[in-house]
Protein backbone atom coordinates (compact mmCIF):
# COMPACT_ATOMS: atom_id res chain seq x y z
CA MET A 1 20.12 -38.53 1.14
CA ALA A 2 17.74 -35.71 2.05
CA SER A 3 15.88 -34.09 -0.79
CA ILE A 4 16.18 -30.33 -1.20
CA ILE A 5 12.89 -28.55 -1.67
CA ALA A 6 12.98 -25.19 -3.39
CA ASP A 7 11.26 -22.55 -1.27
CA TRP A 8 11.16 -18.91 -2.37
CA ARG A 9 10.62 -17.87 1.26
CA ILE A 10 13.89 -19.44 2.36
CA ASP A 11 15.59 -17.84 -0.66
CA ILE A 12 14.44 -14.40 0.58
CA MET A 13 15.64 -15.17 4.12
CA ARG A 14 19.05 -16.26 2.85
CA ALA A 15 19.31 -13.23 0.54
CA HIS A 16 18.70 -10.91 3.53
CA PRO A 17 20.46 -12.53 6.51
CA ARG A 18 20.64 -9.21 8.37
CA LEU A 19 16.84 -9.13 8.57
CA PHE A 20 16.06 -12.75 9.48
CA GLU A 21 17.26 -14.87 12.40
CA GLY A 22 17.03 -18.18 10.59
CA MET A 23 17.19 -21.61 12.13
CA THR A 24 19.75 -23.39 9.99
CA ASP A 25 18.24 -26.86 10.11
CA GLU A 26 14.60 -25.82 9.81
CA PRO A 27 14.33 -22.28 8.41
CA GLN A 28 10.59 -22.70 7.86
CA LEU A 29 10.21 -22.73 11.67
CA SER A 30 12.17 -19.47 12.10
CA PHE A 31 10.66 -16.23 13.31
CA GLY A 32 9.84 -14.10 10.30
CA TYR A 33 9.41 -17.01 7.88
CA PRO A 34 6.88 -15.52 5.42
CA LEU A 35 3.46 -17.15 5.79
CA CYS A 36 2.01 -15.93 2.52
CA LYS A 37 1.77 -17.09 -1.08
CA GLU A 38 4.36 -16.57 -3.80
CA GLY A 39 2.38 -13.79 -5.47
CA TRP A 40 3.67 -11.48 -2.74
CA ARG A 41 7.31 -12.40 -3.31
CA ASP A 42 8.01 -9.10 -5.09
CA VAL A 43 6.26 -7.21 -2.26
CA LEU A 44 8.59 -8.86 0.27
CA GLU A 45 11.72 -8.35 -1.84
CA ARG A 46 10.95 -4.63 -2.16
CA LEU A 47 10.33 -4.46 1.60
CA CYS A 48 13.61 -6.19 2.47
CA ASN A 49 15.62 -4.01 0.08
CA ARG A 50 14.12 -0.82 1.53
CA ILE A 51 14.84 -1.91 5.09
CA GLU A 52 18.44 -2.81 4.28
CA GLU A 53 18.90 0.58 2.61
CA ALA A 54 17.56 2.30 5.75
CA LEU A 55 19.75 0.45 8.27
CA GLN A 56 23.04 1.94 9.40
CA ASP A 57 25.97 -0.34 10.35
CA ASP A 58 25.33 -0.15 14.10
CA GLU A 59 21.55 -0.66 13.88
CA THR A 60 19.63 -3.91 14.19
CA PHE A 61 16.47 -5.30 12.67
CA GLU A 62 14.70 -8.65 12.77
CA PHE A 63 11.40 -9.81 11.33
CA VAL A 64 9.27 -11.43 14.01
CA ARG A 65 6.28 -12.36 11.86
CA ILE A 66 5.26 -11.98 8.22
CA LYS A 67 1.82 -13.23 7.23
CA GLN A 68 -1.40 -12.54 5.39
CA LYS A 69 -4.21 -11.23 7.56
CA LEU A 70 -7.53 -9.88 6.29
CA GLY A 71 -6.22 -9.96 2.72
CA VAL A 72 -3.16 -7.78 3.34
CA LEU A 73 0.40 -8.26 4.49
CA ARG A 74 1.03 -8.13 8.23
CA VAL A 75 4.61 -7.46 9.36
CA ASP A 76 5.88 -7.49 12.92
CA TRP A 77 9.50 -6.66 13.64
CA TYR A 78 11.97 -5.72 16.31
CA GLY A 79 14.97 -3.44 15.92
CA GLU A 80 17.16 -0.78 17.40
CA GLY A 81 18.13 2.28 15.45
CA SER A 82 17.70 5.98 15.09
CA LYS A 83 14.29 7.64 14.83
CA GLU A 84 15.13 8.43 11.20
CA THR A 85 15.82 4.76 10.45
CA GLU A 86 12.67 3.67 12.27
CA ALA A 87 10.62 6.14 10.21
CA LYS A 88 12.12 4.73 6.98
CA ILE A 89 11.34 1.17 8.09
CA LEU A 90 7.77 2.10 8.98
CA ARG A 91 7.36 3.74 5.57
CA ALA A 92 8.74 0.60 3.88
CA VAL A 93 6.21 -1.52 5.78
CA GLU A 94 3.37 0.86 4.86
CA LEU A 95 4.31 0.58 1.19
CA ALA A 96 4.45 -3.22 1.42
CA VAL A 97 1.04 -3.39 3.09
CA ALA A 98 -0.43 -1.02 0.50
CA ARG A 99 1.05 -3.02 -2.40
CA SER A 100 -0.20 -6.30 -0.94
CA ALA A 101 -3.75 -4.89 -0.82
CA CYS A 102 -3.78 -4.67 -4.63
CA THR A 103 -1.53 -7.61 -5.56
CA CYS A 104 -2.79 -11.15 -6.18
CA GLU A 105 -1.42 -13.47 -3.51
CA ALA A 106 -1.27 -16.33 -6.02
CA CYS A 107 0.45 -14.78 -9.06
CA GLY A 108 1.53 -11.20 -8.26
CA ALA A 109 -0.74 -9.55 -10.84
CA GLU A 110 -2.83 -6.53 -9.98
CA GLY A 111 -5.73 -7.59 -7.80
CA ARG A 112 -8.33 -6.59 -5.27
CA ARG A 113 -9.75 -8.00 -2.07
CA TYR A 114 -12.40 -10.70 -2.08
CA VAL A 115 -14.45 -12.20 0.71
CA ASN A 116 -15.00 -15.97 0.73
CA HIS A 117 -16.66 -17.79 3.62
CA GLY A 118 -15.88 -14.88 5.93
CA GLY A 119 -12.17 -14.70 5.02
CA LEU A 120 -10.48 -11.98 2.99
CA VAL A 121 -7.92 -12.60 0.24
CA THR A 122 -6.36 -10.41 -2.41
CA ALA A 123 -6.57 -11.87 -5.89
CA CYS A 124 -6.67 -11.06 -9.59
CA ALA A 125 -9.79 -11.93 -11.60
CA GLU A 126 -8.27 -15.29 -12.60
CA HIS A 127 -7.57 -16.42 -9.02
CA ALA A 128 -10.58 -14.78 -7.37
CA VAL A 129 -12.87 -16.89 -5.21
CA GLY A 130 -15.88 -15.35 -3.54
CA ASP A 131 -17.25 -11.85 -3.90
CA PRO A 132 -15.28 -8.62 -4.41
CA VAL A 133 -15.17 -6.40 -1.36
CA PRO A 134 -17.18 -3.32 -2.32
CA ASN A 135 -15.13 -0.14 -2.59
CA ARG A 136 -16.74 3.14 -1.73
CA PRO A 137 -16.21 5.38 -4.79
CA GLY A 138 -13.04 7.43 -4.34
CA PHE A 139 -11.61 5.10 -1.69
CA GLU A 140 -9.78 2.74 -4.04
CA ASN A 141 -6.28 2.04 -2.66
CA VAL A 142 -6.78 4.50 0.22
CA LEU A 143 -5.21 3.67 3.56
CA LEU A 144 -5.24 5.21 6.98
CA VAL A 145 -1.56 5.64 7.89
CA ARG A 146 -0.01 6.42 11.27
CA ARG A 147 2.28 9.44 10.91
CA THR A 148 4.15 8.81 14.16
CA PRO A 149 4.53 5.37 15.77
CA ALA A 150 2.42 4.66 18.86
CA THR A 151 0.36 7.84 18.50
CA SER A 152 -3.06 8.71 17.19
CA ASP A 153 -1.52 11.04 14.57
CA VAL A 154 -2.93 9.52 11.36
CA TYR A 155 -3.60 10.59 7.80
CA TYR A 156 -5.12 9.19 4.62
CA ALA A 157 -2.89 8.16 1.73
CA ARG A 158 -3.59 6.78 -1.73
CA TYR A 159 -1.32 4.05 -3.05
CA ALA A 160 -0.24 4.16 -6.71
CA ARG A 161 0.76 0.67 -7.83
CA GLU A 162 2.44 1.91 -11.03
CA THR A 163 4.93 4.07 -9.11
CA ASP A 164 4.87 2.12 -5.80
CA THR A 165 4.21 5.30 -3.84
CA LEU A 166 1.87 6.62 -1.18
CA ALA A 167 0.55 10.17 -1.47
CA GLU A 168 -1.18 11.93 1.40
CA ILE A 169 -4.73 13.04 0.65
CA SER A 170 -7.04 15.23 2.69
CA ALA A 171 -9.98 13.82 4.59
CA CYS A 172 -12.06 16.58 2.99
CA SER A 173 -11.32 15.22 -0.49
CA LEU A 174 -12.77 11.90 0.68
CA GLY A 175 -15.86 13.61 2.07
CA LEU A 176 -14.94 12.75 5.66
CA GLU A 177 -14.83 16.28 7.11
CA ASP A 178 -17.01 19.33 6.71
């Protein structure tokens, strides 16, 4: 008799079958199987819920890859839908990436990025290994966001963990323009 191993990643995939093309016998080998630690479970659940809310009945979506890279969430996907739906999906991904950048990969508590042996991870003080990545004053939780896919139209946004929102900020306020 095969033993059943609990896996939160498979639970997310099964809870959102419209978003994952899962291999029934070996879901951990499926495209989109999350390659990150359990601390980001909430980040992924929020992401999946937002994407499902954005999708219309005749639109498609599939995660291709979900992983940690350079201490933040990396999400690749494929889908077909309206420009409005695509914009909502991109915004959901931006929010997930922003939240991952300040969420401990191990436990889900508020965290920051650390560098250890050349690799970057996001961790809380309890799970931190290595040295904190220095933040330039005023740049805490600031991201460069692409306004329109596949263009150079970008802006700066500050992520607020308490409200799970991104707010556009001017480059001037960051001292980046005269």
